[in-house]
Amino acid sequence: MNKSQWAQKVISVALVCAIFIAGCGGHTANPVPPYNAGDENRSCNALHAQMLQLDQDIVVKNQEKDTRDFWNIVEFCTGFLVIVPWFFIDAKGSHEVEIEAFKARKRAIMAIYNDKNCDAPAATTGTTN
């Protein structure tokens, strides 16, 4: 086997490995459904608590997205020196999908909350009566 054939085989194997590893970069989105069976049977307080929880989930997911974006930039820049970090860049956009799913869920809960004519909850002061 001459040098050019050997080089072609090495390049082919490297490309196959790169494509295989690149397909694994990031995590698959796990979006919440906008509507769950029984949502319309929840009390106003339960619906309000769900909306507050969704607000917190959106904040946490945005923080995770910001952290992911930072590390993607670091991995992209260091990939020019050593190609290995490029294989770990999360480019699937799963955080954005999950954030939009949380927002859709909140809109669905809010629609049920409004359809039930629920009053706005009283502000909590942290004291017990």
Protein backbone atom coordinates (compact mmCIF):
# COMPACT_ATOMS: atom_id res chain seq x y z
CA MET A 1 0.00 0.00 0.00
CA ASN A 2 1.51 3.32 -1.04
CA LYS A 3 1.42 6.54 0.95
CA SER A 4 -1.50 8.11 -0.90
CA GLN A 5 -3.75 5.08 -0.34
CA TRP A 6 -2.79 5.01 3.33
CA ALA A 7 -3.51 8.74 3.66
CA GLN A 8 -6.91 8.32 2.00
CA LYS A 9 -7.84 5.55 4.44
CA VAL A 10 -6.73 7.61 7.43
CA ILE A 11 -8.71 10.63 6.23
CA SER A 12 -11.78 8.46 5.58
CA VAL A 13 -11.65 6.93 9.06
CA ALA A 14 -11.13 10.37 10.63
CA LEU A 15 -14.14 11.80 8.77
CA VAL A 16 -16.37 8.89 9.77
CA CYS A 17 -15.32 9.29 13.41
CA ALA A 18 -15.86 13.06 13.27
CA ILE A 19 -19.36 12.68 11.83
CA PHE A 20 -20.24 10.01 14.39
CA ILE A 21 -18.97 12.04 17.36
CA ALA A 22 -20.49 15.29 16.09
CA GLY A 23 -23.91 13.64 16.00
CA CYS A 24 -23.65 13.07 19.73
CA GLY A 25 -22.98 16.73 20.61
CA GLY A 26 -25.63 18.16 22.91
CA HIS A 27 -28.67 16.67 24.51
CA THR A 28 -32.04 15.88 23.03
CA ALA A 29 -34.86 18.24 23.91
CA ASN A 30 -37.42 16.99 26.40
CA PRO A 31 -40.28 19.50 26.04
CA VAL A 32 -43.24 19.49 28.39
CA PRO A 33 -46.66 19.11 26.76
CA PRO A 34 -48.72 22.32 26.72
CA TYR A 35 -51.75 20.53 28.12
CA ASN A 36 -52.10 17.64 30.55
CA ALA A 37 -55.25 15.65 31.15
CA GLY A 38 -57.01 17.04 34.19
CA ASP A 39 -55.65 20.58 33.92
CA GLU A 40 -59.17 21.98 33.68
CA ASN A 41 -60.08 20.24 36.97
CA ARG A 42 -57.34 21.96 38.96
CA SER A 43 -58.20 24.61 41.49
CA CYS A 44 -57.31 28.25 40.96
CA ASN A 45 -54.56 27.98 43.58
CA ALA A 46 -53.10 24.91 41.88
CA LEU A 47 -53.15 26.67 38.51
CA HIS A 48 -51.45 29.72 40.00
CA ALA A 49 -48.81 27.54 41.67
CA GLN A 50 -48.19 25.82 38.33
CA MET A 51 -47.69 29.20 36.61
CA LEU A 52 -45.19 30.25 39.30
CA GLN A 53 -43.33 26.95 38.89
CA LEU A 54 -43.22 27.41 35.12
CA ASP A 55 -41.77 30.92 35.60
CA GLN A 56 -39.01 29.41 37.75
CA ASP A 57 -38.41 26.62 35.22
CA ILE A 58 -38.04 29.20 32.44
CA VAL A 59 -35.50 31.19 34.49
CA VAL A 60 -33.47 28.04 35.25
CA LYS A 61 -33.57 26.89 31.63
CA ASN A 62 -32.44 30.36 30.45
CA GLN A 63 -29.50 30.19 32.88
CA GLU A 64 -28.59 26.74 31.55
CA LYS A 65 -28.81 28.09 27.99
CA ASP A 66 -26.51 31.01 28.86
CA THR A 67 -23.99 28.62 30.42
CA ARG A 68 -24.21 26.34 27.38
CA ASP A 69 -23.69 29.31 25.03
CA PHE A 70 -20.59 30.39 26.99
CA TRP A 71 -19.04 26.92 26.81
CA ASN A 72 -19.93 26.60 23.13
CA ILE A 73 -17.94 29.78 22.47
CA VAL A 74 -15.00 28.51 24.52
CA GLU A 75 -15.07 25.15 22.75
CA PHE A 76 -15.37 26.79 19.33
CA CYS A 77 -12.35 29.04 19.97
CA THR A 78 -10.17 26.29 21.43
CA GLY A 79 -11.19 24.05 18.54
CA PHE A 80 -8.94 26.11 16.27
CA LEU A 81 -5.95 24.98 18.33
CA VAL A 82 -7.06 21.41 18.99
CA ILE A 83 -9.97 20.02 16.98
CA VAL A 84 -11.33 17.82 19.81
CA PRO A 85 -13.45 20.54 21.56
CA TRP A 86 -15.51 20.99 18.40
CA PHE A 87 -16.98 17.53 19.00
CA PHE A 88 -18.50 18.72 22.29
CA ILE A 89 -20.29 21.82 21.03
CA ASP A 90 -24.01 21.62 21.85
CA ALA A 91 -25.66 22.73 18.63
CA LYS A 92 -28.98 20.92 18.90
CA GLY A 93 -30.93 23.91 20.26
CA SER A 94 -32.62 21.76 22.88
CA HIS A 95 -32.73 24.52 25.48
CA GLU A 96 -34.65 26.80 23.14
CA VAL A 97 -37.17 24.04 22.40
CA GLU A 98 -37.66 23.38 26.12
CA ILE A 99 -38.04 27.09 26.94
CA GLU A 100 -40.70 27.48 24.24
CA ALA A 101 -42.49 24.39 25.59
CA PHE A 102 -42.54 25.92 29.09
CA LYS A 103 -43.96 29.14 27.65
CA ALA A 104 -46.64 27.23 25.72
CA ARG A 105 -47.54 25.32 28.89
CA LYS A 106 -47.81 28.57 30.82
CA ARG A 107 -50.09 30.07 28.14
CA ALA A 108 -52.34 26.98 28.31
CA ILE A 109 -52.50 27.14 32.12
CA MET A 110 -53.16 30.89 31.97
CA ALA A 111 -56.04 30.33 29.52
CA ILE A 112 -57.64 27.81 31.89
CA TYR A 113 -57.02 30.18 34.81
CA ASN A 114 -58.78 33.01 32.96
CA ASP A 115 -61.63 30.77 31.73
CA LYS A 116 -62.35 29.82 35.34
CA ASN A 117 -62.49 33.55 36.24
CA CYS A 118 -59.94 33.02 38.98
CA ASP A 119 -59.11 36.09 41.01
CA ALA A 120 -55.55 37.30 41.19
CA PRO A 121 -53.96 35.73 44.26
CA ALA A 122 -53.24 37.98 47.20
CA ALA A 123 -49.61 38.95 47.59
CA THR A 124 -47.87 36.83 50.17
CA THR A 125 -45.90 38.61 52.86
CA GLY A 126 -44.21 35.58 54.33
CA THR A 127 -46.10 35.83 57.62
CA THR A 128 -48.68 33.40 58.91
CA ASN A 129 -51.99 34.42 60.44
